[in-house]
């Protein structure tokens, strides 16, 4: 039986960076950062750019935005990636790598049921 992905949609590099910054600032401050703080941390020049990235994270299922309360709720913490020069792209461009990844999921599923 094929594995079905039920989590949020994968992120672009900039979206992943925004989610990580958002998560870190909430942990440090105990409250949500302002758009200005996020723009500064992400090196964006306009608050509208922050708004666009947050809406993309919301559309992909990583956060929710409560417009009337000016709140951001993080639904999923950022994925933990190895500390390397590789960028997280959210898809496999090489079919062989995709097949290896899916096979590894099947192996882990079989190990968990054994």
PDB file of N, CA and C in Angstrom:
ATOM      1  N   UNK A   1       0.847  -1.188   0.000  1.00  0.00           N
ATOM      2  CA  UNK A   1       0.000   0.000   0.000  1.00  0.00           C
ATOM      3  C   UNK A   1       0.893   1.253   0.000  1.00  0.00           C
ATOM      4  N   UNK A   2       0.562   2.231  -0.804  1.00  0.00           N
ATOM      5  CA  UNK A   2       1.368   3.440  -0.937  1.00  0.00           C
ATOM      6  C   UNK A   2       1.199   4.341   0.286  1.00  0.00           C
ATOM      7  N   UNK A   3       2.273   5.038   0.608  1.00  0.00           N
ATOM      8  CA  UNK A   3       2.232   6.007   1.694  1.00  0.00           C
ATOM      9  C   UNK A   3       1.492   7.258   1.219  1.00  0.00           C
ATOM     10  N   UNK A   4       0.653   7.805   2.061  1.00  0.00           N
ATOM     11  CA  UNK A   4      -0.079   9.022   1.731  1.00  0.00           C
ATOM     12  C   UNK A   4       0.392  10.118   2.665  1.00  0.00           C
ATOM     13  N   UNK A   5       0.836  11.215   2.094  1.00  0.00           N
ATOM     14  CA  UNK A   5       1.300  12.354   2.888  1.00  0.00           C
ATOM     15  C   UNK A   5       0.100  13.088   3.452  1.00  0.00           C
ATOM     16  N   UNK A   6       0.036  13.192   4.785  1.00  0.00           N
ATOM     17  CA  UNK A   6      -1.111  13.842   5.416  1.00  0.00           C
ATOM     18  C   UNK A   6      -0.724  15.123   6.129  1.00  0.00           C
ATOM     19  N   UNK A   7       0.546  15.489   6.075  1.00  0.00           N
ATOM     20  CA  UNK A   7       1.009  16.694   6.756  1.00  0.00           C
ATOM     21  C   UNK A   7       0.818  17.932   5.899  1.00  0.00           C
ATOM     22  N   UNK A   8       1.336  19.054   6.391  1.00  0.00           N
ATOM     23  CA  UNK A   8       1.232  20.296   5.622  1.00  0.00           C
ATOM     24  C   UNK A   8       2.056  20.222   4.339  1.00  0.00           C
ATOM     25  N   UNK A   9       1.755  21.113   3.417  1.00  0.00           N
ATOM     26  CA  UNK A   9       2.448  21.167   2.136  1.00  0.00           C
ATOM     27  C   UNK A   9       3.888  21.636   2.366  1.00  0.00           C
ATOM     28  N   UNK A  10       4.876  21.018   1.692  1.00  0.00           N
ATOM     29  CA  UNK A  10       6.278  21.432   1.867  1.00  0.00           C
ATOM     30  C   UNK A  10       6.490  22.913   1.569  1.00  0.00           C
ATOM     31  N   UNK A  11       7.559  23.448   2.133  1.00  0.00           N
ATOM     32  CA  UNK A  11       7.832  24.872   2.075  1.00  0.00           C
ATOM     33  C   UNK A  11       8.977  25.214   1.134  1.00  0.00           C
ATOM     34  N   UNK A  12       8.954  26.456   0.646  1.00  0.00           N
ATOM     35  CA  UNK A  12      10.112  26.989  -0.066  1.00  0.00           C
ATOM     36  C   UNK A  12      11.151  27.376   0.983  1.00  0.00           C
ATOM     37  N   UNK A  13      12.345  27.699   0.532  1.00  0.00           N
ATOM     38  CA  UNK A  13      13.411  28.086   1.451  1.00  0.00           C
ATOM     39  C   UNK A  13      13.008  29.314   2.267  1.00  0.00           C
ATOM     40  N   UNK A  14      12.430  30.325   1.627  1.00  0.00           N
ATOM     41  CA  UNK A  14      12.037  31.559   2.323  1.00  0.00           C
ATOM     42  C   UNK A  14      10.906  31.281   3.317  1.00  0.00           C
ATOM     43  N   UNK A  15       9.956  30.449   2.949  1.00  0.00           N
ATOM     44  CA  UNK A  15       8.861  30.110   3.858  1.00  0.00           C
ATOM     45  C   UNK A  15       9.382  29.343   5.065  1.00  0.00           C
ATOM     46  N   UNK A  16      10.317  28.427   4.832  1.00  0.00           N
ATOM     47  CA  UNK A  16      10.912  27.679   5.932  1.00  0.00           C
ATOM     48  C   UNK A  16      11.654  28.620   6.873  1.00  0.00           C
ATOM     49  N   UNK A  17      12.407  29.550   6.311  1.00  0.00           N
ATOM     50  CA  UNK A  17      13.122  30.529   7.131  1.00  0.00           C
ATOM     51  C   UNK A  17      12.137  31.352   7.961  1.00  0.00           C
ATOM     52  N   UNK A  18      11.036  31.777   7.361  1.00  0.00           N
ATOM     53  CA  UNK A  18      10.035  32.571   8.080  1.00  0.00           C
ATOM     54  C   UNK A  18       9.417  31.768   9.212  1.00  0.00           C
ATOM     55  N   UNK A  19       9.105  30.499   8.968  1.00  0.00           N
ATOM     56  CA  UNK A  19       8.521  29.657  10.010  1.00  0.00           C
ATOM     57  C   UNK A  19       9.505  29.448  11.156  1.00  0.00           C
ATOM     58  N   UNK A  20      10.774  29.246  10.820  1.00  0.00           N
ATOM     59  CA  UNK A  20      11.790  29.071  11.863  1.00  0.00           C
ATOM     60  C   UNK A  20      11.946  30.335  12.701  1.00  0.00           C
ATOM     61  N   UNK A  21      12.003  31.494  12.042  1.00  0.00           N
ATOM     62  CA  UNK A  21      12.125  32.769  12.756  1.00  0.00           C
ATOM     63  C   UNK A  21      10.906  33.005  13.640  1.00  0.00           C
ATOM     64  N   UNK A  22       9.731  32.767  13.101  1.00  0.00           N
ATOM     65  CA  UNK A  22       8.496  32.936  13.858  1.00  0.00           C
ATOM     66  C   UNK A  22       8.511  32.042  15.099  1.00  0.00           C
ATOM     67  N   UNK A  23       8.874  30.797  14.921  1.00  0.00           N
ATOM     68  CA  UNK A  23       8.923  29.836  16.022  1.00  0.00           C
ATOM     69  C   UNK A  23       9.939  30.271  17.082  1.00  0.00           C
ATOM     70  N   UNK A  24      11.129  30.703  16.650  1.00  0.00           N
ATOM     71  CA  UNK A  24      12.178  31.141  17.588  1.00  0.00           C
ATOM     72  C   UNK A  24      11.756  32.379  18.359  1.00  0.00           C
ATOM     73  N   UNK A  25      11.155  33.353  17.674  1.00  0.00           N
ATOM     74  CA  UNK A  25      10.743  34.585  18.349  1.00  0.00           C
ATOM     75  C   UNK A  25       9.628  34.315  19.360  1.00  0.00           C
ATOM     76  N   UNK A  26       8.704  33.440  19.026  1.00  0.00           N
ATOM     77  CA  UNK A  26       7.643  33.091  19.982  1.00  0.00           C
ATOM     78  C   UNK A  26       8.263  32.409  21.199  1.00  0.00           C
ATOM     79  N   UNK A  27       9.221  31.502  20.978  1.00  0.00           N
ATOM     80  CA  UNK A  27       9.895  30.837  22.101  1.00  0.00           C
ATOM     81  C   UNK A  27      10.653  31.826  22.975  1.00  0.00           C
ATOM     82  N   UNK A  28      11.348  32.779  22.355  1.00  0.00           N
ATOM     83  CA  UNK A  28      12.156  33.744  23.102  1.00  0.00           C
ATOM     84  C   UNK A  28      11.307  34.763  23.852  1.00  0.00           C
ATOM     85  N   UNK A  29      10.286  35.291  23.183  1.00  0.00           N
ATOM     86  CA  UNK A  29       9.497  36.385  23.746  1.00  0.00           C
ATOM     87  C   UNK A  29       8.263  35.920  24.508  1.00  0.00           C
ATOM     88  N   UNK A  30       7.819  34.711  24.235  1.00  0.00           N
ATOM     89  CA  UNK A  30       6.596  34.230  24.848  1.00  0.00           C
ATOM     90  C   UNK A  30       5.351  34.833  24.218  1.00  0.00           C
ATOM     91  N   UNK A  31       5.523  35.586  23.151  1.00  0.00           N
ATOM     92  CA  UNK A  31       4.405  36.185  22.438  1.00  0.00           C
ATOM     93  C   UNK A  31       4.786  36.342  20.970  1.00  0.00           C
ATOM     94  N   UNK A  32       3.782  36.593  20.151  1.00  0.00           N
ATOM     95  CA  UNK A  32       4.036  36.705  18.727  1.00  0.00           C
ATOM     96  C   UNK A  32       4.769  37.992  18.386  1.00  0.00           C
ATOM     97  N   UNK A  33       5.696  37.901  17.430  1.00  0.00           N
ATOM     98  CA  UNK A  33       6.408  39.111  17.014  1.00  0.00           C
ATOM     99  C   UNK A  33       5.529  40.004  16.153  1.00  0.00           C
ATOM    100  N   UNK A  34       5.920  41.253  16.046  1.00  0.00           N
ATOM    101  CA  UNK A  34       5.223  42.177  15.156  1.00  0.00           C
ATOM    102  C   UNK A  34       5.693  41.931  13.724  1.00  0.00           C
ATOM    103  N   UNK A  35       4.952  42.473  12.767  1.00  0.00           N
ATOM    104  CA  UNK A  35       5.363  42.362  11.367  1.00  0.00           C
ATOM    105  C   UNK A  35       6.714  43.047  11.169  1.00  0.00           C
ATOM    106  N   UNK A  36       6.945  44.146  11.884  1.00  0.00           N
ATOM    107  CA  UNK A  36       8.230  44.850  11.769  1.00  0.00           C
ATOM    108  C   UNK A  36       9.375  43.969  12.253  1.00  0.00           C
ATOM    109  N   UNK A  37       9.178  43.265  13.370  1.00  0.00           N
ATOM    110  CA  UNK A  37      10.213  42.359  13.868  1.00  0.00           C
ATOM    111  C   UNK A  37      10.494  41.245  12.865  1.00  0.00           C
ATOM    112  N   UNK A  38       9.426  40.666  12.314  1.00  0.00           N
ATOM    113  CA  UNK A  38       9.602  39.609  11.326  1.00  0.00           C
ATOM    114  C   UNK A  38      10.316  40.135  10.079  1.00  0.00           C
ATOM    115  N   UNK A  39       9.933  41.317   9.611  1.00  0.00           N
ATOM    116  CA  UNK A  39      10.580  41.909   8.440  1.00  0.00           C
ATOM    117  C   UNK A  39      12.065  42.122   8.703  1.00  0.00           C
ATOM    118  N   UNK A  40      12.406  42.599   9.890  1.00  0.00           N
ATOM    119  CA  UNK A  40      13.801  42.820  10.246  1.00  0.00           C
ATOM    120  C   UNK A  40      14.575  41.506  10.285  1.00  0.00           C
ATOM    121  N   UNK A  41      14.017  40.488  10.931  1.00  0.00           N
ATOM    122  CA  UNK A  41      14.692  39.196  11.053  1.00  0.00           C
ATOM    123  C   UNK A  41      14.847  38.500   9.700  1.00  0.00           C
ATOM    124  N   UNK A  42      13.875  38.678   8.823  1.00  0.00           N
ATOM    125  CA  UNK A  42      13.908  38.025   7.513  1.00  0.00           C
ATOM    126  C   UNK A  42      14.581  38.885   6.449  1.00  0.00           C
ATOM    127  N   UNK A  43      15.032  40.077   6.861  1.00  0.00           N
ATOM    128  CA  UNK A  43      15.684  41.020   5.950  1.00  0.00           C
ATOM    129  C   UNK A  43      14.774  41.382   4.775  1.00  0.00           C
ATOM    130  N   UNK A  44      13.522  41.633   5.106  1.00  0.00           N
ATOM    131  CA  UNK A  44      12.548  42.088   4.115  1.00  0.00           C
ATOM    132  C   UNK A  44      12.341  43.584   4.303  1.00  0.00           C
ATOM    133  N   UNK A  45      12.132  44.303   3.230  1.00  0.00           N
ATOM    134  CA  UNK A  45      12.011  45.755   3.330  1.00  0.00           C
ATOM    135  C   UNK A  45      10.586  46.230   3.575  1.00  0.00           C
ATOM    136  N   UNK A  46       9.603  45.384   3.333  1.00  0.00           N
ATOM    137  CA  UNK A  46       8.215  45.817   3.468  1.00  0.00           C
ATOM    138  C   UNK A  46       7.414  44.841   4.324  1.00  0.00           C
ATOM    139  N   UNK A  47       6.518  45.406   5.118  1.00  0.00           N
ATOM    140  CA  UNK A  47       5.625  44.571   5.920  1.00  0.00           C
ATOM    141  C   UNK A  47       4.705  43.745   5.033  1.00  0.00           C
ATOM    142  N   UNK A  48       4.416  44.242   3.836  1.00  0.00           N
ATOM    143  CA  UNK A  48       3.554  43.491   2.921  1.00  0.00           C
ATOM    144  C   UNK A  48       4.228  42.182   2.496  1.00  0.00           C
ATOM    145  N   UNK A  49       5.555  42.168   2.453  1.00  0.00           N
ATOM    146  CA  UNK A  49       6.279  40.934   2.135  1.00  0.00           C
ATOM    147  C   UNK A  49       6.104  39.916   3.253  1.00  0.00           C
ATOM    148  N   UNK A  50       6.127  40.387   4.500  1.00  0.00           N
ATOM    149  CA  UNK A  50       5.886  39.516   5.647  1.00  0.00           C
ATOM    150  C   UNK A  50       4.470  38.972   5.572  1.00  0.00           C
ATOM    151  N   UNK A  51       3.524  39.833   5.263  1.00  0.00           N
ATOM    152  CA  UNK A  51       2.123  39.423   5.151  1.00  0.00           C
ATOM    153  C   UNK A  51       1.968  38.340   4.087  1.00  0.00           C
ATOM    154  N   UNK A  52       2.639  38.503   2.953  1.00  0.00           N
ATOM    155  CA  UNK A  52       2.559  37.521   1.875  1.00  0.00           C
ATOM    156  C   UNK A  52       3.103  36.164   2.319  1.00  0.00           C
ATOM    157  N   UNK A  53       4.266  36.166   2.993  1.00  0.00           N
ATOM    158  CA  UNK A  53       4.863  34.909   3.454  1.00  0.00           C
ATOM    159  C   UNK A  53       3.970  34.241   4.498  1.00  0.00           C
ATOM    160  N   UNK A  54       3.407  35.020   5.416  1.00  0.00           N
ATOM    161  CA  UNK A  54       2.518  34.453   6.434  1.00  0.00           C
ATOM    162  C   UNK A  54       1.271  33.845   5.796  1.00  0.00           C
ATOM    163  N   UNK A  55       0.719  34.504   4.797  1.00  0.00           N
ATOM    164  CA  UNK A  55      -0.451  33.953   4.111  1.00  0.00           C
ATOM    165  C   UNK A  55      -0.103  32.668   3.365  1.00  0.00           C
ATOM    166  N   UNK A  56       1.113  32.602   2.807  1.00  0.00           N
ATOM    167  CA  UNK A  56       1.548  31.375   2.142  1.00  0.00           C
ATOM    168  C   UNK A  56       1.674  30.235   3.157  1.00  0.00           C
ATOM    169  N   UNK A  57       2.230  30.536   4.349  1.00  0.00           N
ATOM    170  CA  UNK A  57       2.341  29.518   5.401  1.00  0.00           C
ATOM    171  C   UNK A  57       0.959  29.052   5.843  1.00  0.00           C
ATOM    172  N   UNK A  58       0.023  29.974   5.889  1.00  0.00           N
ATOM    173  CA  UNK A  58      -1.353  29.638   6.263  1.00  0.00           C
ATOM    174  C   UNK A  58      -2.002  28.753   5.193  1.00  0.00           C
ATOM    175  N   UNK A  59      -1.837  29.123   3.934  1.00  0.00           N
ATOM    176  CA  UNK A  59      -2.419  28.344   2.833  1.00  0.00           C
ATOM    177  C   UNK A  59      -1.853  26.929   2.777  1.00  0.00           C
ATOM    178  N   UNK A  60      -0.591  26.781   3.187  1.00  0.00           N
ATOM    179  CA  UNK A  60       0.049  25.464   3.147  1.00  0.00           C
ATOM    180  C   UNK A  60      -0.196  24.643   4.418  1.00  0.00           C
ATOM    181  N   UNK A  61      -0.891  25.223   5.386  1.00  0.00           N
ATOM    182  CA  UNK A  61      -1.281  24.467   6.568  1.00  0.00           C
ATOM    183  C   UNK A  61      -0.285  24.455   7.717  1.00  0.00           C
ATOM    184  N   UNK A  62       0.686  25.378   7.711  1.00  0.00           N
ATOM    185  CA  UNK A  62       1.685  25.411   8.783  1.00  0.00           C
ATOM    186  C   UNK A  62       1.265  26.312   9.939  1.00  0.00           C
ATOM    187  N   UNK A  63       0.500  27.352   9.673  1.00  0.00           N
ATOM    188  CA  UNK A  63       0.038  28.280  10.706  1.00  0.00           C
ATOM    189  C   UNK A  63      -1.416  28.637  10.417  1.00  0.00           C
ATOM    190  N   UNK A  64      -2.056  29.263  11.403  1.00  0.00           N
ATOM    191  CA  UNK A  64      -3.352  29.891  11.145  1.00  0.00           C
ATOM    192  C   UNK A  64      -3.217  31.362  11.508  1.00  0.00           C
ATOM    193  N   UNK A  65      -3.954  32.185  10.814  1.00  0.00           N
ATOM    194  CA  UNK A  65      -3.974  33.620  11.081  1.00  0.00           C
ATOM    195  C   UNK A  65      -5.361  33.985  11.571  1.00  0.00           C
ATOM    196  N   UNK A  66      -5.422  34.655  12.707  1.00  0.00           N
ATOM    197  CA  UNK A  66      -6.697  35.117  13.245  1.00  0.00           C
ATOM    198  C   UNK A  66      -6.739  36.628  13.036  1.00  0.00           C
ATOM    199  N   UNK A  67      -7.401  37.080  11.966  1.00  0.00           N
ATOM    200  CA  UNK A  67      -7.305  38.487  11.575  1.00  0.00           C
ATOM    201  C   UNK A  67      -7.826  39.485  12.597  1.00  0.00           C
ATOM    202  N   UNK A  68      -8.889  39.159  13.282  1.00  0.00           N
ATOM    203  CA  UNK A  68      -9.466  40.129  14.215  1.00  0.00           C
ATOM    204  C   UNK A  68      -8.682  40.215  15.511  1.00  0.00           C
ATOM    205  N   UNK A  69      -7.972  39.156  15.853  1.00  0.00           N
ATOM    206  CA  UNK A  69      -7.196  39.154  17.090  1.00  0.00           C
ATOM    207  C   UNK A  69      -5.712  39.428  16.833  1.00  0.00           C
ATOM    208  N   UNK A  70      -5.332  39.601  15.558  1.00  0.00           N
ATOM    209  CA  UNK A  70      -3.926  39.789  15.194  1.00  0.00           C
ATOM    210  C   UNK A  70      -3.042  38.709  15.798  1.00  0.00           C
ATOM    211  N   UNK A  71      -3.469  37.477  15.686  1.00  0.00           N
ATOM    212  CA  UNK A  71      -2.725  36.356  16.245  1.00  0.00           C
ATOM    213  C   UNK A  71      -2.319  35.373  15.167  1.00  0.00           C
ATOM    214  N   UNK A  72      -1.173  34.769  15.401  1.00  0.00           N
ATOM    215  CA  UNK A  72      -0.664  33.714  14.543  1.00  0.00           C
ATOM    216  C   UNK A  72      -0.553  32.472  15.407  1.00  0.00           C
ATOM    217  N   UNK A  73      -1.142  31.402  14.947  1.00  0.00           N
ATOM    218  CA  UNK A  73      -1.045  30.145  15.689  1.00  0.00           C
ATOM    219  C   UNK A  73      -0.204  29.178  14.864  1.00  0.00           C
ATOM    220  N   UNK A  74       0.896  28.706  15.435  1.00  0.00           N
ATOM    221  CA  UNK A  74       1.762  27.760  14.740  1.00  0.00           C
ATOM    222  C   UNK A  74       1.160  26.370  14.910  1.00  0.00           C
ATOM    223  N   UNK A  75       0.773  25.751  13.797  1.00  0.00           N
ATOM    224  CA  UNK A  75       0.154  24.429  13.836  1.00  0.00           C
ATOM    225  C   UNK A  75       1.192  23.314  13.841  1.00  0.00           C
ATOM    226  N   UNK A  76       2.315  23.546  13.168  1.00  0.00           N
ATOM    227  CA  UNK A  76       3.384  22.553  13.081  1.00  0.00           C
ATOM    228  C   UNK A  76       4.713  23.268  13.287  1.00  0.00           C
ATOM    229  N   UNK A  77       5.588  22.742  14.141  1.00  0.00           N
ATOM    230  CA  UNK A  77       6.906  23.360  14.272  1.00  0.00           C
ATOM    231  C   UNK A  77       7.688  23.188  12.977  1.00  0.00           C
ATOM    232  N   UNK A  78       8.682  24.038  12.766  1.00  0.00           N
ATOM    233  CA  UNK A  78       9.468  23.891  11.535  1.00  0.00           C
ATOM    234  C   UNK A  78      10.183  22.548  11.512  1.00  0.00           C
ATOM    235  N   UNK A  79      10.319  21.948  10.336  1.00  0.00           N
ATOM    236  CA  UNK A  79      11.033  20.674  10.254  1.00  0.00           C
ATOM    237  C   UNK A  79      12.492  20.859  10.640  1.00  0.00           C
ATOM    238  N   UNK A  80      13.054  19.854  11.271  1.00  0.00           N
ATOM    239  CA  UNK A  80      14.460  19.904  11.654  1.00  0.00           C
ATOM    240  C   UNK A  80      15.258  19.363  10.476  1.00  0.00           C
ATOM    241  N   UNK A  81      16.094  20.217   9.934  1.00  0.00           N
ATOM    242  CA  UNK A  81      16.893  19.848   8.782  1.00  0.00           C
ATOM    243  C   UNK A  81      18.353  19.726   9.193  1.00  0.00           C
ATOM    244  N   UNK A  82      19.116  18.893   8.503  1.00  0.00           N
ATOM    245  CA  UNK A  82      20.537  18.795   8.827  1.00  0.00           C
ATOM    246  C   UNK A  82      21.226  20.127   8.578  1.00  0.00           C
ATOM    247  N   UNK A  83      22.262  20.399   9.356  1.00  0.00           N
ATOM    248  CA  UNK A  83      23.019  21.634   9.213  1.00  0.00           C
ATOM    249  C   UNK A  83      23.994  21.461   8.050  1.00  0.00           C
ATOM    250  N   UNK A  84      23.543  21.789   6.863  1.00  0.00           N
ATOM    251  CA  UNK A  84      24.367  21.623   5.672  1.00  0.00           C
ATOM    252  C   UNK A  84      23.996  22.702   4.669  1.00  0.00           C
ATOM    253  N   UNK A  85      24.656  22.694   3.546  1.00  0.00           N
ATOM    254  CA  UNK A  85      24.433  23.706   2.527  1.00  0.00           C
ATOM    255  C   UNK A  85      23.265  23.383   1.602  1.00  0.00           C
ATOM    256  N   UNK A  86      22.562  22.293   1.835  1.00  0.00           N
ATOM    257  CA  UNK A  86      21.457  21.911   0.963  1.00  0.00           C
ATOM    258  C   UNK A  86      20.210  22.714   1.292  1.00  0.00           C
ATOM    259  N   UNK A  87      19.488  23.121   0.285  1.00  0.00           N
ATOM    260  CA  UNK A  87      18.250  23.867   0.478  1.00  0.00           C
ATOM    261  C   UNK A  87      17.069  22.901   0.484  1.00  0.00           C
ATOM    262  N   UNK A  88      16.099  23.184   1.321  1.00  0.00           N
ATOM    263  CA  UNK A  88      14.869  22.401   1.360  1.00  0.00           C
ATOM    264  C   UNK A  88      13.971  22.923   0.249  1.00  0.00           C
ATOM    265  N   UNK A  89      13.667  22.075  -0.727  1.00  0.00           N
ATOM    266  CA  UNK A  89      12.892  22.534  -1.867  1.00  0.00           C
ATOM    267  C   UNK A  89      11.469  21.999  -1.874  1.00  0.00           C
ATOM    268  N   UNK A  90      11.175  21.011  -1.056  1.00  0.00           N
ATOM    269  CA  UNK A  90       9.809  20.528  -0.942  1.00  0.00           C
ATOM    270  C   UNK A  90       9.386  19.520  -1.989  1.00  0.00           C
ATOM    271  N   UNK A  91      10.272  19.132  -2.886  1.00  0.00           N
ATOM    272  CA  UNK A  91       9.928  18.106  -3.870  1.00  0.00           C
ATOM    273  C   UNK A  91      11.205  17.442  -4.361  1.00  0.00           C
ATOM    274  N   UNK A  92      11.046  16.299  -4.991  1.00  0.00           N
ATOM    275  CA  UNK A  92      12.179  15.580  -5.540  1.00  0.00           C
ATOM    276  C   UNK A  92      12.214  15.807  -7.041  1.00  0.00           C
ATOM    277  N   UNK A  93      13.305  16.352  -7.528  1.00  0.00           N
ATOM    278  CA  UNK A  93      13.440  16.549  -8.970  1.00  0.00           C
ATOM    279  C   UNK A  93      13.955  15.279  -9.651  1.00  0.00           C
ATOM    280  N   UNK A  94      14.556  14.394  -8.877  1.00  0.00           N
ATOM    281  CA  UNK A  94      15.100  13.153  -9.403  1.00  0.00           C
ATOM    282  C   UNK A  94      14.164  12.008  -8.990  1.00  0.00           C
ATOM    283  N   UNK A  95      13.610  11.306  -9.963  1.00  0.00           N
ATOM    284  CA  UNK A  95      12.655  10.227  -9.683  1.00  0.00           C
ATOM    285  C   UNK A  95      13.291   9.118  -8.846  1.00  0.00           C
ATOM    286  N   UNK A  96      14.584   8.865  -9.022  1.00  0.00           N
ATOM    287  CA  UNK A  96      15.275   7.833  -8.253  1.00  0.00           C
ATOM    288  C   UNK A  96      15.281   8.195  -6.762  1.00  0.00           C
ATOM    289  N   UNK A  97      15.538   9.472  -6.455  1.00  0.00           N
ATOM    290  CA  UNK A  97      15.542   9.905  -5.055  1.00  0.00           C
ATOM    291  C   UNK A  97      14.151   9.770  -4.433  1.00  0.00           C
ATOM    292  N   UNK A  98      13.123  10.108  -5.205  1.00  0.00           N
ATOM    293  CA  UNK A  98      11.758   9.962  -4.717  1.00  0.00           C
ATOM    294  C   UNK A  98      11.468   8.500  -4.400  1.00  0.00           C
ATOM    295  N   UNK A  99      11.868   7.594  -5.297  1.00  0.00           N
ATOM    296  CA  UNK A  99      11.636   6.163  -5.080  1.00  0.00           C
ATOM    297  C   UNK A  99      12.361   5.680  -3.824  1.00  0.00           C
ATOM    298  N   UNK A 100      13.604   6.144  -3.612  1.00  0.00           N
ATOM    299  CA  UNK A 100      14.363   5.766  -2.414  1.00  0.00           C
ATOM    300  C   UNK A 100      13.682   6.290  -1.153  1.00  0.00           C
ATOM    301  N   UNK A 101      13.184   7.522  -1.219  1.00  0.00           N
ATOM    302  CA  UNK A 101      12.512   8.111  -0.068  1.00  0.00           C
ATOM    303  C   UNK A 101      11.248   7.325   0.284  1.00  0.00           C
ATOM    304  N   UNK A 102      10.441   7.017  -0.723  1.00  0.00           N
ATOM    305  CA  UNK A 102       9.211   6.259  -0.479  1.00  0.00           C
ATOM    306  C   UNK A 102       9.517   4.862   0.047  1.00  0.00           C
ATOM    307  N   UNK A 103      10.583   4.243  -0.453  1.00  0.00           N
ATOM    308  CA  UNK A 103      10.986   2.923   0.042  1.00  0.00           C
ATOM    309  C   UNK A 103      11.404   3.004   1.501  1.00  0.00           C
ATOM    310  N   UNK A 104      12.099   4.078   1.879  1.00  0.00           N
ATOM    311  CA  UNK A 104      12.511   4.221   3.279  1.00  0.00           C
ATOM    312  C   UNK A 104      11.297   4.394   4.194  1.00  0.00           C
ATOM    313  N   UNK A 105      10.245   5.059   3.693  1.00  0.00           N
ATOM    314  CA  UNK A 105       9.018   5.192   4.485  1.00  0.00           C
ATOM    315  C   UNK A 105       8.386   3.828   4.710  1.00  0.00           C
ATOM    316  N   UNK A 106       8.368   3.004   3.657  1.00  0.00           N
ATOM    317  CA  UNK A 106       7.812   1.655   3.774  1.00  0.00           C
ATOM    318  C   UNK A 106       8.605   0.833   4.778  1.00  0.00           C
ATOM    319  N   UNK A 107       9.956   0.957   4.751  1.00  0.00           N
ATOM    320  CA  UNK A 107      10.801   0.220   5.701  1.00  0.00           C
ATOM    321  C   UNK A 107      10.491   0.631   7.136  1.00  0.00           C
ATOM    322  N   UNK A 108      10.362   1.959   7.365  1.00  0.00           N
ATOM    323  CA  UNK A 108      10.062   2.440   8.712  1.00  0.00           C
ATOM    324  C   UNK A 108       8.684   1.985   9.169  1.00  0.00           C
ATOM    325  N   UNK A 109       7.736   1.952   8.265  1.00  0.00           N
ATOM    326  CA  UNK A 109       6.389   1.504   8.617  1.00  0.00           C
ATOM    327  C   UNK A 109       6.394   0.022   9.000  1.00  0.00           C
ATOM    328  N   UNK A 110       7.163  -0.789   8.262  1.00  0.00           N
ATOM    329  CA  UNK A 110       7.248  -2.214   8.579  1.00  0.00           C
ATOM    330  C   UNK A 110       7.959  -2.449   9.907  1.00  0.00           C
ATOM    331  N   UNK A 111       8.992  -1.649  10.197  1.00  0.00           N
ATOM    332  CA  UNK A 111       9.710  -1.767  11.463  1.00  0.00           C
ATOM    333  C   UNK A 111       8.798  -1.402  12.627  1.00  0.00           C
ATOM    334  N   UNK A 112       7.952  -0.413  12.424  1.00  0.00           N
ATOM    335  CA  UNK A 112       7.064   0.044  13.507  1.00  0.00           C
ATOM    336  C   UNK A 112       6.004  -0.995  13.825  1.00  0.00           C
ATOM    337  N   UNK A 113       5.573  -1.775  12.823  1.00  0.00           N
ATOM    338  CA  UNK A 113       4.540  -2.782  13.072  1.00  0.00           C
ATOM    339  C   UNK A 113       5.129  -4.102  13.526  1.00  0.00           C
ATOM    340  N   UNK A 114       6.443  -4.293  13.381  1.00  0.00           N
ATOM    341  CA  UNK A 114       7.082  -5.553  13.769  1.00  0.00           C
ATOM    342  C   UNK A 114       7.281  -5.650  15.264  1.00  0.00           C
TER     343      UNK A 114
END
